[in-house]
């Protein structure tokens, strides 16, 4: 194997490693976003189904 061939192989392996690292990072970001969306959905659902705090949502007659 010549020095040029070894250099090309080394460069190719390095590029493959960088591509793999990008794929892993992309997957991690996608999973994080999915998790955040799921939590946001649960929070919204919980807030929508929660009873109103005392005194809210009632009609008051304040005629003087």
PDB file of N, CA and C in Angstrom:
ATOM      1  N   UNK A   1       0.854  -1.156   0.000  1.00  0.00           N
ATOM      2  CA  UNK A   1       0.000   0.000   0.000  1.00  0.00           C
ATOM      3  C   UNK A   1       0.909   1.230   0.000  1.00  0.00           C
ATOM      4  N   UNK A   2       0.639   2.123  -0.918  1.00  0.00           N
ATOM      5  CA  UNK A   2       1.466   3.327  -0.990  1.00  0.00           C
ATOM      6  C   UNK A   2       0.975   4.356   0.013  1.00  0.00           C
ATOM      7  N   UNK A   3       1.768   5.381   0.182  1.00  0.00           N
ATOM      8  CA  UNK A   3       1.417   6.449   1.117  1.00  0.00           C
ATOM      9  C   UNK A   3       0.145   7.161   0.672  1.00  0.00           C
ATOM     10  N   UNK A   4      -0.021   7.332  -0.637  1.00  0.00           N
ATOM     11  CA  UNK A   4      -1.219   7.996  -1.152  1.00  0.00           C
ATOM     12  C   UNK A   4      -2.473   7.165  -0.890  1.00  0.00           C
ATOM     13  N   UNK A   5      -2.378   5.860  -1.063  1.00  0.00           N
ATOM     14  CA  UNK A   5      -3.518   4.981  -0.813  1.00  0.00           C
ATOM     15  C   UNK A   5      -3.883   4.990   0.673  1.00  0.00           C
ATOM     16  N   UNK A   6      -2.882   4.930   1.524  1.00  0.00           N
ATOM     17  CA  UNK A   6      -3.133   4.973   2.962  1.00  0.00           C
ATOM     18  C   UNK A   6      -3.778   6.301   3.343  1.00  0.00           C
ATOM     19  N   UNK A   7      -3.339   7.362   2.730  1.00  0.00           N
ATOM     20  CA  UNK A   7      -3.906   8.682   3.002  1.00  0.00           C
ATOM     21  C   UNK A   7      -5.363   8.753   2.555  1.00  0.00           C
ATOM     22  N   UNK A   8      -5.651   8.179   1.382  1.00  0.00           N
ATOM     23  CA  UNK A   8      -7.034   8.168   0.873  1.00  0.00           C
ATOM     24  C   UNK A   8      -7.943   7.334   1.776  1.00  0.00           C
ATOM     25  N   UNK A   9      -7.444   6.181   2.196  1.00  0.00           N
ATOM     26  CA  UNK A   9      -8.240   5.318   3.077  1.00  0.00           C
ATOM     27  C   UNK A   9      -8.486   6.020   4.409  1.00  0.00           C
ATOM     28  N   UNK A  10      -7.454   6.643   4.921  1.00  0.00           N
ATOM     29  CA  UNK A  10      -7.598   7.368   6.188  1.00  0.00           C
ATOM     30  C   UNK A  10      -8.623   8.490   6.055  1.00  0.00           C
ATOM     31  N   UNK A  11      -8.577   9.205   4.950  1.00  0.00           N
ATOM     32  CA  UNK A  11      -9.552  10.280   4.717  1.00  0.00           C
ATOM     33  C   UNK A  11     -10.963   9.749   4.592  1.00  0.00           C
ATOM     34  N   UNK A  12     -11.115   8.616   3.897  1.00  0.00           N
ATOM     35  CA  UNK A  12     -12.442   8.020   3.724  1.00  0.00           C
ATOM     36  C   UNK A  12     -13.011   7.556   5.061  1.00  0.00           C
ATOM     37  N   UNK A  13     -12.167   6.925   5.869  1.00  0.00           N
ATOM     38  CA  UNK A  13     -12.619   6.470   7.192  1.00  0.00           C
ATOM     39  C   UNK A  13     -13.010   7.667   8.051  1.00  0.00           C
ATOM     40  N   UNK A  14     -12.240   8.728   7.965  1.00  0.00           N
ATOM     41  CA  UNK A  14     -12.545   9.934   8.726  1.00  0.00           C
ATOM     42  C   UNK A  14     -13.876  10.530   8.295  1.00  0.00           C
ATOM     43  N   UNK A  15     -14.124  10.549   6.976  1.00  0.00           N
ATOM     44  CA  UNK A  15     -15.390  11.081   6.474  1.00  0.00           C
ATOM     45  C   UNK A  15     -16.560  10.210   6.903  1.00  0.00           C
ATOM     46  N   UNK A  16     -16.364   8.895   6.882  1.00  0.00           N
ATOM     47  CA  UNK A  16     -17.425   7.993   7.332  1.00  0.00           C
ATOM     48  C   UNK A  16     -17.722   8.200   8.815  1.00  0.00           C
ATOM     49  N   UNK A  17     -16.682   8.405   9.589  1.00  0.00           N
ATOM     50  CA  UNK A  17     -16.871   8.659  11.018  1.00  0.00           C
ATOM     51  C   UNK A  17     -17.628   9.946  11.259  1.00  0.00           C
ATOM     52  N   UNK A  18     -17.297  10.976  10.482  1.00  0.00           N
ATOM     53  CA  UNK A  18     -17.989  12.261  10.620  1.00  0.00           C
ATOM     54  C   UNK A  18     -19.453  12.124  10.210  1.00  0.00           C
ATOM     55  N   UNK A  19     -19.715  11.379   9.146  1.00  0.00           N
ATOM     56  CA  UNK A  19     -21.094  11.175   8.698  1.00  0.00           C
ATOM     57  C   UNK A  19     -21.890  10.419   9.758  1.00  0.00           C
ATOM     58  N   UNK A  20     -21.274   9.402  10.364  1.00  0.00           N
ATOM     59  CA  UNK A  20     -21.946   8.639  11.416  1.00  0.00           C
ATOM     60  C   UNK A  20     -22.243   9.528  12.618  1.00  0.00           C
ATOM     61  N   UNK A  21     -21.288  10.371  12.978  1.00  0.00           N
ATOM     62  CA  UNK A  21     -21.478  11.290  14.104  1.00  0.00           C
ATOM     63  C   UNK A  21     -22.644  12.235  13.829  1.00  0.00           C
ATOM     64  N   UNK A  22     -22.738  12.736  12.603  1.00  0.00           N
ATOM     65  CA  UNK A  22     -23.859  13.617  12.240  1.00  0.00           C
ATOM     66  C   UNK A  22     -25.188  12.878  12.324  1.00  0.00           C
ATOM     67  N   UNK A  23     -25.205  11.615  11.873  1.00  0.00           N
ATOM     68  CA  UNK A  23     -26.438  10.834  11.937  1.00  0.00           C
ATOM     69  C   UNK A  23     -26.880  10.611  13.380  1.00  0.00           C
ATOM     70  N   UNK A  24     -25.929  10.303  14.237  1.00  0.00           N
ATOM     71  CA  UNK A  24     -26.250  10.088  15.648  1.00  0.00           C
ATOM     72  C   UNK A  24     -26.759  11.384  16.272  1.00  0.00           C
ATOM     73  N   UNK A  25     -26.110  12.494  15.962  1.00  0.00           N
ATOM     74  CA  UNK A  25     -26.535  13.784  16.508  1.00  0.00           C
ATOM     75  C   UNK A  25     -27.934  14.142  16.013  1.00  0.00           C
ATOM     76  N   UNK A  26     -28.201  13.885  14.731  1.00  0.00           N
ATOM     77  CA  UNK A  26     -29.524  14.167  14.173  1.00  0.00           C
ATOM     78  C   UNK A  26     -30.586  13.318  14.855  1.00  0.00           C
ATOM     79  N   UNK A  27     -30.288  12.047  15.070  1.00  0.00           N
ATOM     80  CA  UNK A  27     -31.227  11.159  15.746  1.00  0.00           C
ATOM     81  C   UNK A  27     -31.490  11.633  17.178  1.00  0.00           C
ATOM     82  N   UNK A  28     -30.445  12.055  17.860  1.00  0.00           N
ATOM     83  CA  UNK A  28     -30.600  12.528  19.236  1.00  0.00           C
ATOM     84  C   UNK A  28     -31.472  13.779  19.284  1.00  0.00           C
ATOM     85  N   UNK A  29     -31.260  14.687  18.352  1.00  0.00           N
ATOM     86  CA  UNK A  29     -32.068  15.919  18.316  1.00  0.00           C
ATOM     87  C   UNK A  29     -33.520  15.587  18.010  1.00  0.00           C
ATOM     88  N   UNK A  30     -33.754  14.681  17.075  1.00  0.00           N
ATOM     89  CA  UNK A  30     -35.138  14.305  16.741  1.00  0.00           C
ATOM     90  C   UNK A  30     -35.840  13.667  17.930  1.00  0.00           C
ATOM     91  N   UNK A  31     -35.141  12.814  18.640  1.00  0.00           N
ATOM     92  CA  UNK A  31     -35.747  12.185  19.822  1.00  0.00           C
ATOM     93  C   UNK A  31     -36.040  13.212  20.911  1.00  0.00           C
ATOM     94  N   UNK A  32     -35.136  14.172  21.069  1.00  0.00           N
ATOM     95  CA  UNK A  32     -35.354  15.221  22.062  1.00  0.00           C
ATOM     96  C   UNK A  32     -36.579  16.050  21.699  1.00  0.00           C
ATOM     97  N   UNK A  33     -36.701  16.412  20.420  1.00  0.00           N
ATOM     98  CA  UNK A  33     -37.861  17.191  19.977  1.00  0.00           C
ATOM     99  C   UNK A  33     -39.157  16.398  20.156  1.00  0.00           C
ATOM    100  N   UNK A  34     -39.130  15.102  19.826  1.00  0.00           N
ATOM    101  CA  UNK A  34     -40.315  14.266  20.027  1.00  0.00           C
ATOM    102  C   UNK A  34     -40.697  14.205  21.500  1.00  0.00           C
ATOM    103  N   UNK A  35     -39.709  14.083  22.369  1.00  0.00           N
ATOM    104  CA  UNK A  35     -39.984  14.034  23.804  1.00  0.00           C
ATOM    105  C   UNK A  35     -40.572  15.358  24.286  1.00  0.00           C
ATOM    106  N   UNK A  36     -40.018  16.477  23.802  1.00  0.00           N
ATOM    107  CA  UNK A  36     -40.541  17.781  24.212  1.00  0.00           C
ATOM    108  C   UNK A  36     -41.970  17.985  23.714  1.00  0.00           C
ATOM    109  N   UNK A  37     -42.247  17.533  22.504  1.00  0.00           N
ATOM    110  CA  UNK A  37     -43.620  17.643  21.978  1.00  0.00           C
ATOM    111  C   UNK A  37     -44.583  16.797  22.806  1.00  0.00           C
ATOM    112  N   UNK A  38     -44.138  15.609  23.189  1.00  0.00           N
ATOM    113  CA  UNK A  38     -44.997  14.738  23.991  1.00  0.00           C
ATOM    114  C   UNK A  38     -45.299  15.373  25.345  1.00  0.00           C
ATOM    115  N   UNK A  39     -44.293  15.951  25.973  1.00  0.00           N
ATOM    116  CA  UNK A  39     -44.500  16.615  27.263  1.00  0.00           C
ATOM    117  C   UNK A  39     -45.424  17.813  27.091  1.00  0.00           C
ATOM    118  N   UNK A  40     -45.218  18.591  26.043  1.00  0.00           N
ATOM    119  CA  UNK A  40     -46.087  19.757  25.797  1.00  0.00           C
ATOM    120  C   UNK A  40     -47.529  19.310  25.581  1.00  0.00           C
ATOM    121  N   UNK A  41     -47.713  18.199  24.882  1.00  0.00           N
ATOM    122  CA  UNK A  41     -49.058  17.682  24.673  1.00  0.00           C
ATOM    123  C   UNK A  41     -49.708  17.244  25.974  1.00  0.00           C
ATOM    124  N   UNK A  42     -48.946  16.580  26.835  1.00  0.00           N
ATOM    125  CA  UNK A  42     -49.486  16.167  28.131  1.00  0.00           C
ATOM    126  C   UNK A  42     -49.839  17.371  28.996  1.00  0.00           C
ATOM    127  N   UNK A  43     -48.987  18.382  28.975  1.00  0.00           N
ATOM    128  CA  UNK A  43     -49.262  19.587  29.758  1.00  0.00           C
ATOM    129  C   UNK A  43     -50.525  20.271  29.246  1.00  0.00           C
ATOM    130  N   UNK A  44     -50.653  20.394  27.932  1.00  0.00           N
ATOM    131  CA  UNK A  44     -51.845  21.030  27.360  1.00  0.00           C
ATOM    132  C   UNK A  44     -53.100  20.237  27.681  1.00  0.00           C
ATOM    133  N   UNK A  45     -53.005  18.912  27.604  1.00  0.00           N
ATOM    134  CA  UNK A  45     -54.163  18.071  27.909  1.00  0.00           C
ATOM    135  C   UNK A  45     -54.556  18.189  29.377  1.00  0.00           C
ATOM    136  N   UNK A  46     -53.573  18.206  30.246  1.00  0.00           N
ATOM    137  CA  UNK A  46     -53.838  18.324  31.673  1.00  0.00           C
ATOM    138  C   UNK A  46     -54.468  19.677  31.987  1.00  0.00           C
ATOM    139  N   UNK A  47     -53.940  20.731  31.383  1.00  0.00           N
ATOM    140  CA  UNK A  47     -54.474  22.072  31.627  1.00  0.00           C
ATOM    141  C   UNK A  47     -55.895  22.197  31.098  1.00  0.00           C
ATOM    142  N   UNK A  48     -56.184  21.543  29.979  1.00  0.00           N
ATOM    143  CA  UNK A  48     -57.527  21.626  29.393  1.00  0.00           C
ATOM    144  C   UNK A  48     -58.552  20.889  30.250  1.00  0.00           C
ATOM    145  N   UNK A  49     -58.116  19.852  30.946  1.00  0.00           N
ATOM    146  CA  UNK A  49     -59.044  19.049  31.741  1.00  0.00           C
ATOM    147  C   UNK A  49     -59.063  19.425  33.222  1.00  0.00           C
ATOM    148  N   UNK A  50     -58.222  20.353  33.599  1.00  0.00           N
ATOM    149  CA  UNK A  50     -58.158  20.733  35.011  1.00  0.00           C
ATOM    150  C   UNK A  50     -59.360  21.606  35.373  1.00  0.00           C
ATOM    151  N   UNK A  51     -59.878  21.432  36.581  1.00  0.00           N
ATOM    152  CA  UNK A  51     -60.989  22.288  37.003  1.00  0.00           C
ATOM    153  C   UNK A  51     -60.506  23.723  37.202  1.00  0.00           C
ATOM    154  N   UNK A  52     -61.427  24.645  37.056  1.00  0.00           N
ATOM    155  CA  UNK A  52     -61.089  26.052  37.250  1.00  0.00           C
ATOM    156  C   UNK A  52     -60.762  26.294  38.719  1.00  0.00           C
ATOM    157  N   UNK A  53     -59.818  27.176  38.973  1.00  0.00           N
ATOM    158  CA  UNK A  53     -59.516  27.516  40.368  1.00  0.00           C
ATOM    159  C   UNK A  53     -60.751  28.117  41.048  1.00  0.00           C
ATOM    160  N   UNK A  54     -60.818  28.041  42.368  1.00  0.00           N
ATOM    161  CA  UNK A  54     -61.975  28.582  43.090  1.00  0.00           C
ATOM    162  C   UNK A  54     -62.218  30.046  42.725  1.00  0.00           C
ATOM    163  N   UNK A  55     -63.480  30.347  42.446  1.00  0.00           N
ATOM    164  CA  UNK A  55     -63.853  31.727  42.128  1.00  0.00           C
ATOM    165  C   UNK A  55     -63.791  32.053  40.650  1.00  0.00           C
ATOM    166  N   UNK A  56     -63.222  31.199  39.853  1.00  0.00           N
ATOM    167  CA  UNK A  56     -63.171  31.463  38.419  1.00  0.00           C
ATOM    168  C   UNK A  56     -64.221  30.644  37.702  1.00  0.00           C
ATOM    169  N   UNK A  57     -64.748  31.214  36.634  1.00  0.00           N
ATOM    170  CA  UNK A  57     -65.752  30.515  35.861  1.00  0.00           C
ATOM    171  C   UNK A  57     -67.136  30.602  36.463  1.00  0.00           C
ATOM    172  N   UNK A  58     -67.304  31.462  37.433  1.00  0.00           N
ATOM    173  CA  UNK A  58     -68.622  31.630  38.038  1.00  0.00           C
ATOM    174  C   UNK A  58     -69.171  32.997  37.681  1.00  0.00           C
ATOM    175  N   UNK A  59     -70.465  33.077  37.579  1.00  0.00           N
ATOM    176  CA  UNK A  59     -71.095  34.376  37.304  1.00  0.00           C
ATOM    177  C   UNK A  59     -71.427  35.013  38.640  1.00  0.00           C
ATOM    178  N   UNK A  60     -71.058  36.235  38.786  1.00  0.00           N
ATOM    179  CA  UNK A  60     -71.344  36.962  40.019  1.00  0.00           C
ATOM    180  C   UNK A  60     -72.327  38.087  39.731  1.00  0.00           C
ATOM    181  N   UNK A  61     -73.278  38.273  40.628  1.00  0.00           N
ATOM    182  CA  UNK A  61     -74.229  39.371  40.510  1.00  0.00           C
ATOM    183  C   UNK A  61     -73.701  40.511  41.370  1.00  0.00           C
ATOM    184  N   UNK A  62     -73.201  41.557  40.724  1.00  0.00           N
ATOM    185  CA  UNK A  62     -72.638  42.667  41.479  1.00  0.00           C
ATOM    186  C   UNK A  62     -73.435  43.946  41.262  1.00  0.00           C
ATOM    187  N   UNK A  63     -74.751  43.790  41.094  1.00  0.00           N
ATOM    188  CA  UNK A  63     -75.595  44.999  40.929  1.00  0.00           C
ATOM    189  C   UNK A  63     -75.629  45.774  42.223  1.00  0.00           C
ATOM    190  N   UNK A  64     -75.572  47.071  42.057  1.00  0.00           N
ATOM    191  CA  UNK A  64     -75.606  47.936  43.238  1.00  0.00           C
ATOM    192  C   UNK A  64     -76.910  48.679  43.279  1.00  0.00           C
TER     193      UNK A  64
END
